[in-house]
Amino acid sequence: MVKTILHELVKLCGISIKGHLSLVPIDMEPEPIILAYIDLNLQVHLKGKDKENELALTSF
């Protein structure tokens, strides 16, 4: 359930979600798993945006 909420937040906020991580300790070892999930969701989200843009350009 947490991953689903995180996925939806990434879809809504995009890369700006990283600006809302002030309470996540980013200098810990190992790195908090939430950061890996955010990065993964951003990669998928941005890849999807690239495909949407590509389809929009080729549809003309």
N, C-alpha and C. Protein backbone atom coordinates (compact mmCIF):
# COMPACT_ATOMS: atom_id res chain seq x y z
N MET A 1 0.81 -1.19 0.00
CA MET A 1 0.00 0.00 0.00
C MET A 1 0.86 1.27 0.00
N VAL A 2 1.93 1.26 0.72
CA VAL A 2 2.82 2.43 0.76
C VAL A 2 3.43 2.67 -0.61
N LYS A 3 3.82 1.59 -1.30
CA LYS A 3 4.40 1.76 -2.63
C LYS A 3 3.38 2.33 -3.60
N THR A 4 2.12 1.96 -3.46
CA THR A 4 1.07 2.50 -4.32
C THR A 4 0.88 3.99 -4.08
N ILE A 5 0.87 4.39 -2.82
CA ILE A 5 0.75 5.81 -2.49
C ILE A 5 1.94 6.58 -3.03
N LEU A 6 3.12 6.02 -2.86
CA LEU A 6 4.34 6.65 -3.36
C LEU A 6 4.28 6.80 -4.88
N HIS A 7 3.82 5.76 -5.56
CA HIS A 7 3.68 5.79 -7.02
C HIS A 7 2.75 6.93 -7.45
N GLU A 8 1.62 7.07 -6.78
CA GLU A 8 0.67 8.13 -7.11
C GLU A 8 1.25 9.51 -6.83
N LEU A 9 2.00 9.65 -5.75
CA LEU A 9 2.63 10.93 -5.45
C LEU A 9 3.65 11.31 -6.51
N VAL A 10 4.42 10.34 -6.98
CA VAL A 10 5.40 10.61 -8.04
C VAL A 10 4.67 11.03 -9.31
N LYS A 11 3.56 10.36 -9.63
CA LYS A 11 2.80 10.74 -10.82
C LYS A 11 2.29 12.17 -10.71
N LEU A 12 1.85 12.57 -9.53
CA LEU A 12 1.31 13.91 -9.34
C LEU A 12 2.39 14.98 -9.29
N CYS A 13 3.48 14.71 -8.59
CA CYS A 13 4.51 15.73 -8.33
C CYS A 13 5.66 15.70 -9.32
N GLY A 14 5.93 14.54 -9.89
CA GLY A 14 7.08 14.42 -10.77
C GLY A 14 8.38 14.58 -9.99
N ILE A 15 9.36 15.16 -10.65
CA ILE A 15 10.69 15.30 -10.05
C ILE A 15 10.67 16.22 -8.83
N SER A 16 9.67 17.09 -8.73
CA SER A 16 9.60 18.00 -7.59
C SER A 16 9.36 17.28 -6.26
N ILE A 17 9.01 16.00 -6.33
CA ILE A 17 8.81 15.24 -5.09
C ILE A 17 10.09 15.19 -4.26
N LYS A 18 11.24 15.28 -4.93
CA LYS A 18 12.51 15.23 -4.20
C LYS A 18 12.69 16.45 -3.29
N GLY A 19 11.97 17.52 -3.56
CA GLY A 19 12.02 18.70 -2.71
C GLY A 19 11.25 18.54 -1.42
N HIS A 20 10.52 17.45 -1.29
CA HIS A 20 9.70 17.21 -0.10
C HIS A 20 10.28 16.12 0.79
N LEU A 21 11.55 15.85 0.66
CA LEU A 21 12.18 14.76 1.40
C LEU A 21 13.03 15.24 2.56
N SER A 22 12.73 16.41 3.10
CA SER A 22 13.58 16.98 4.14
C SER A 22 13.62 16.13 5.41
N LEU A 23 12.62 15.32 5.66
CA LEU A 23 12.60 14.49 6.87
C LEU A 23 13.20 13.10 6.65
N VAL A 24 13.58 12.80 5.41
CA VAL A 24 14.20 11.50 5.12
C VAL A 24 15.71 11.65 5.25
N PRO A 25 16.34 10.89 6.12
CA PRO A 25 17.80 11.00 6.30
C PRO A 25 18.53 10.40 5.09
N ILE A 26 19.04 11.27 4.21
CA ILE A 26 19.64 10.79 2.97
C ILE A 26 21.10 10.33 3.13
N ASP A 27 21.70 10.62 4.27
CA ASP A 27 23.11 10.27 4.46
C ASP A 27 23.30 8.99 5.27
N MET A 28 22.24 8.22 5.44
CA MET A 28 22.34 6.97 6.21
C MET A 28 22.96 5.86 5.36
N GLU A 29 23.52 4.89 6.03
CA GLU A 29 24.00 3.67 5.38
C GLU A 29 23.30 2.50 6.01
N PRO A 30 22.61 1.69 5.32
CA PRO A 30 22.26 1.82 3.91
C PRO A 30 21.23 2.93 3.70
N GLU A 31 21.18 3.40 2.46
CA GLU A 31 20.24 4.45 2.09
C GLU A 31 18.80 3.99 2.33
N PRO A 32 17.95 4.85 2.86
CA PRO A 32 16.55 4.45 3.10
C PRO A 32 15.89 3.95 1.81
N ILE A 33 15.18 2.86 1.88
CA ILE A 33 14.60 2.21 0.72
C ILE A 33 13.59 3.10 0.00
N ILE A 34 13.00 4.04 0.72
CA ILE A 34 12.03 4.93 0.08
C ILE A 34 12.68 5.75 -1.04
N LEU A 35 13.95 6.07 -0.89
CA LEU A 35 14.65 6.83 -1.94
C LEU A 35 14.80 6.00 -3.20
N ALA A 36 15.09 4.72 -3.05
CA ALA A 36 15.20 3.84 -4.22
C ALA A 36 13.85 3.70 -4.91
N TYR A 37 12.78 3.58 -4.15
CA TYR A 37 11.44 3.48 -4.74
C TYR A 37 11.07 4.77 -5.47
N ILE A 38 11.42 5.91 -4.91
CA ILE A 38 11.13 7.18 -5.57
C ILE A 38 11.90 7.27 -6.88
N ASP A 39 13.18 6.93 -6.86
CA ASP A 39 13.98 6.98 -8.09
C ASP A 39 13.43 6.03 -9.15
N LEU A 40 13.05 4.83 -8.75
CA LEU A 40 12.49 3.87 -9.69
C LEU A 40 11.18 4.39 -10.29
N ASN A 41 10.31 4.93 -9.45
CA ASN A 41 9.05 5.47 -9.95
C ASN A 41 9.28 6.67 -10.86
N LEU A 42 10.26 7.50 -10.55
CA LEU A 42 10.57 8.64 -11.42
C LEU A 42 11.06 8.16 -12.78
N GLN A 43 11.92 7.15 -12.80
CA GLN A 43 12.41 6.62 -14.07
C GLN A 43 11.26 6.11 -14.92
N VAL A 44 10.37 5.35 -14.33
CA VAL A 44 9.22 4.80 -15.06
C VAL A 44 8.31 5.93 -15.52
N HIS A 45 8.06 6.89 -14.64
CA HIS A 45 7.17 8.01 -14.96
C HIS A 45 7.75 8.85 -16.10
N LEU A 46 9.04 9.16 -16.02
CA LEU A 46 9.66 9.98 -17.05
C LEU A 46 9.76 9.23 -18.38
N LYS A 47 9.99 7.93 -18.32
CA LYS A 47 10.03 7.13 -19.55
C LYS A 47 8.65 7.14 -20.20
N GLY A 48 7.61 7.04 -19.42
CA GLY A 48 6.24 7.10 -19.94
C GLY A 48 5.93 8.46 -20.56
N LYS A 49 6.42 9.53 -19.94
CA LYS A 49 6.23 10.87 -20.49
C LYS A 49 6.94 11.01 -21.83
N ASP A 50 8.16 10.44 -21.94
CA ASP A 50 8.89 10.49 -23.20
C ASP A 50 8.12 9.78 -24.30
N LYS A 51 7.54 8.62 -24.00
CA LYS A 51 6.76 7.89 -24.99
C LYS A 51 5.52 8.67 -25.40
N GLU A 52 4.85 9.32 -24.44
CA GLU A 52 3.67 10.14 -24.75
C GLU A 52 4.06 11.28 -25.69
N ASN A 53 5.18 11.93 -25.42
CA ASN A 53 5.63 13.03 -26.26
C ASN A 53 5.98 12.53 -27.65
N GLU A 54 6.63 11.38 -27.72
CA GLU A 54 7.01 10.80 -29.00
C GLU A 54 5.76 10.47 -29.82
N LEU A 55 4.75 9.89 -29.20
CA LEU A 55 3.51 9.57 -29.90
C LEU A 55 2.79 10.83 -30.36
N ALA A 56 2.82 11.86 -29.55
CA ALA A 56 2.17 13.12 -29.91
C ALA A 56 2.85 13.75 -31.12
N LEU A 57 4.16 13.65 -31.19
CA LEU A 57 4.89 14.23 -32.32
C LEU A 57 4.68 13.45 -33.60
N THR A 58 4.54 12.14 -33.50
CA THR A 58 4.40 11.31 -34.70
C THR A 58 2.96 11.22 -35.18
N SER A 59 2.01 11.70 -34.41
CA SER A 59 0.61 11.58 -34.81
C SER A 59 0.19 12.68 -35.79
N PHE A 60 1.05 13.67 -36.02
CA PHE A 60 0.69 14.74 -36.95
C PHE A 60 0.99 14.36 -38.34
